[in-house]
Amino acid sequence: VKVKEHAKNIRAHIKGLSQRAYWAHQSTMPEFVVLFLPTDSFLGHAFEGDHTLLEYGIQEKIVIATPTTLIALLKTIFFAWNNY
């Protein structure tokens, strides 16, 4: 029950971030927002409660990141912007 509630809260947070549409305010911004979860287990438990969260996030232009994936994402952005 708590796992489903956790997933529901993350889904609601995805929706809230998406509705802000940060990417629409400036033409040089990426067309997505990163939702950071402080541990990989938070994401794992959310997926247990709702296995469609990742796809839902992508549809809403929200990328879910944990410490592990955030480092890779930031390095990719760094290299892309330096070669732009």
Protein backbone atom coordinates (compact mmCIF):
# COMPACT_ATOMS: atom_id res chain seq x y z
CA VAL A 1 0.00 0.00 0.00
CA LYS A 2 2.81 2.46 0.89
CA VAL A 3 4.64 1.64 -2.35
CA LYS A 4 1.57 2.55 -4.41
CA GLU A 5 1.13 5.76 -2.41
CA HIS A 6 4.80 6.62 -3.02
CA ALA A 7 4.37 6.02 -6.75
CA LYS A 8 1.19 8.11 -6.78
CA ASN A 9 3.05 11.00 -5.11
CA ILE A 10 5.85 10.84 -7.66
CA ARG A 11 3.32 10.74 -10.52
CA ALA A 12 1.66 13.86 -9.06
CA HIS A 13 5.05 15.58 -8.78
CA ILE A 14 5.79 14.72 -12.43
CA LYS A 15 2.48 16.25 -13.45
CA GLY A 16 3.14 19.38 -11.38
CA LEU A 17 6.60 19.90 -12.89
CA SER A 18 5.27 19.32 -16.38
CA GLN A 19 2.55 21.91 -15.95
CA ARG A 20 5.18 24.55 -15.18
CA ALA A 21 6.62 24.07 -18.70
CA TYR A 22 9.97 25.63 -17.89
CA TRP A 23 11.19 24.83 -21.42
CA ALA A 24 8.57 27.17 -22.90
CA HIS A 25 10.02 30.26 -21.20
CA GLN A 26 13.37 30.34 -22.96
CA SER A 27 14.33 29.05 -26.39
CA THR A 28 17.79 27.84 -25.33
CA MET A 29 16.52 25.51 -22.57
CA PRO A 30 16.30 21.74 -23.03
CA GLU A 31 12.78 20.49 -23.52
CA PHE A 32 12.76 18.49 -20.31
CA VAL A 33 13.05 18.89 -16.55
CA VAL A 34 14.96 16.58 -14.22
CA LEU A 35 13.10 15.20 -11.22
CA PHE A 36 15.82 14.18 -8.76
CA LEU A 37 15.27 11.36 -6.27
CA PRO A 38 18.04 11.19 -3.64
CA THR A 39 18.47 7.40 -3.65
CA ASP A 40 18.09 4.67 -6.24
CA SER A 41 15.81 2.75 -3.87
CA PHE A 42 13.24 5.57 -3.94
CA LEU A 43 12.96 5.07 -7.69
CA GLY A 44 12.92 1.29 -7.38
CA HIS A 45 10.06 1.38 -4.89
CA ALA A 46 8.17 3.85 -7.07
CA PHE A 47 8.48 1.46 -10.02
CA GLU A 48 7.14 -1.34 -7.83
CA GLY A 49 4.03 0.75 -7.23
CA ASP A 50 3.67 1.96 -10.82
CA HIS A 51 5.74 0.38 -13.57
CA THR A 52 4.64 3.08 -16.06
CA LEU A 53 6.26 6.02 -14.24
CA LEU A 54 9.28 6.23 -16.53
CA GLU A 55 7.15 6.34 -19.67
CA TYR A 56 4.75 8.80 -18.07
CA GLY A 57 7.64 11.06 -17.15
CA ILE A 58 9.01 11.01 -20.69
CA GLN A 59 5.57 11.86 -22.10
CA GLU A 60 5.40 14.80 -19.70
CA LYS A 61 8.99 15.90 -20.54
CA ILE A 62 10.26 14.92 -17.11
CA VAL A 63 13.41 12.81 -16.72
CA ILE A 64 13.63 10.97 -13.41
CA ALA A 65 17.18 10.88 -12.06
CA THR A 66 18.92 9.32 -9.08
CA PRO A 67 22.48 10.09 -7.92
CA THR A 68 23.83 7.48 -10.32
CA THR A 69 21.97 8.68 -13.39
CA LEU A 70 22.22 12.38 -12.55
CA ILE A 71 26.02 12.30 -12.80
CA ALA A 72 25.83 10.72 -16.27
CA LEU A 73 23.14 13.18 -17.35
CA LEU A 74 25.10 16.21 -16.15
CA LYS A 75 28.30 15.02 -17.86
CA THR A 76 26.39 14.53 -21.10
CA ILE A 77 24.90 18.02 -20.88
CA PHE A 78 28.31 19.48 -20.06
CA PHE A 79 29.93 17.91 -23.13
CA ALA A 80 27.01 18.83 -25.37
CA TRP A 81 27.04 22.48 -24.30
CA ASN A 82 30.83 22.74 -24.64
CA ASN A 83 30.63 21.47 -28.21
CA TYR A 84 27.62 23.60 -29.15
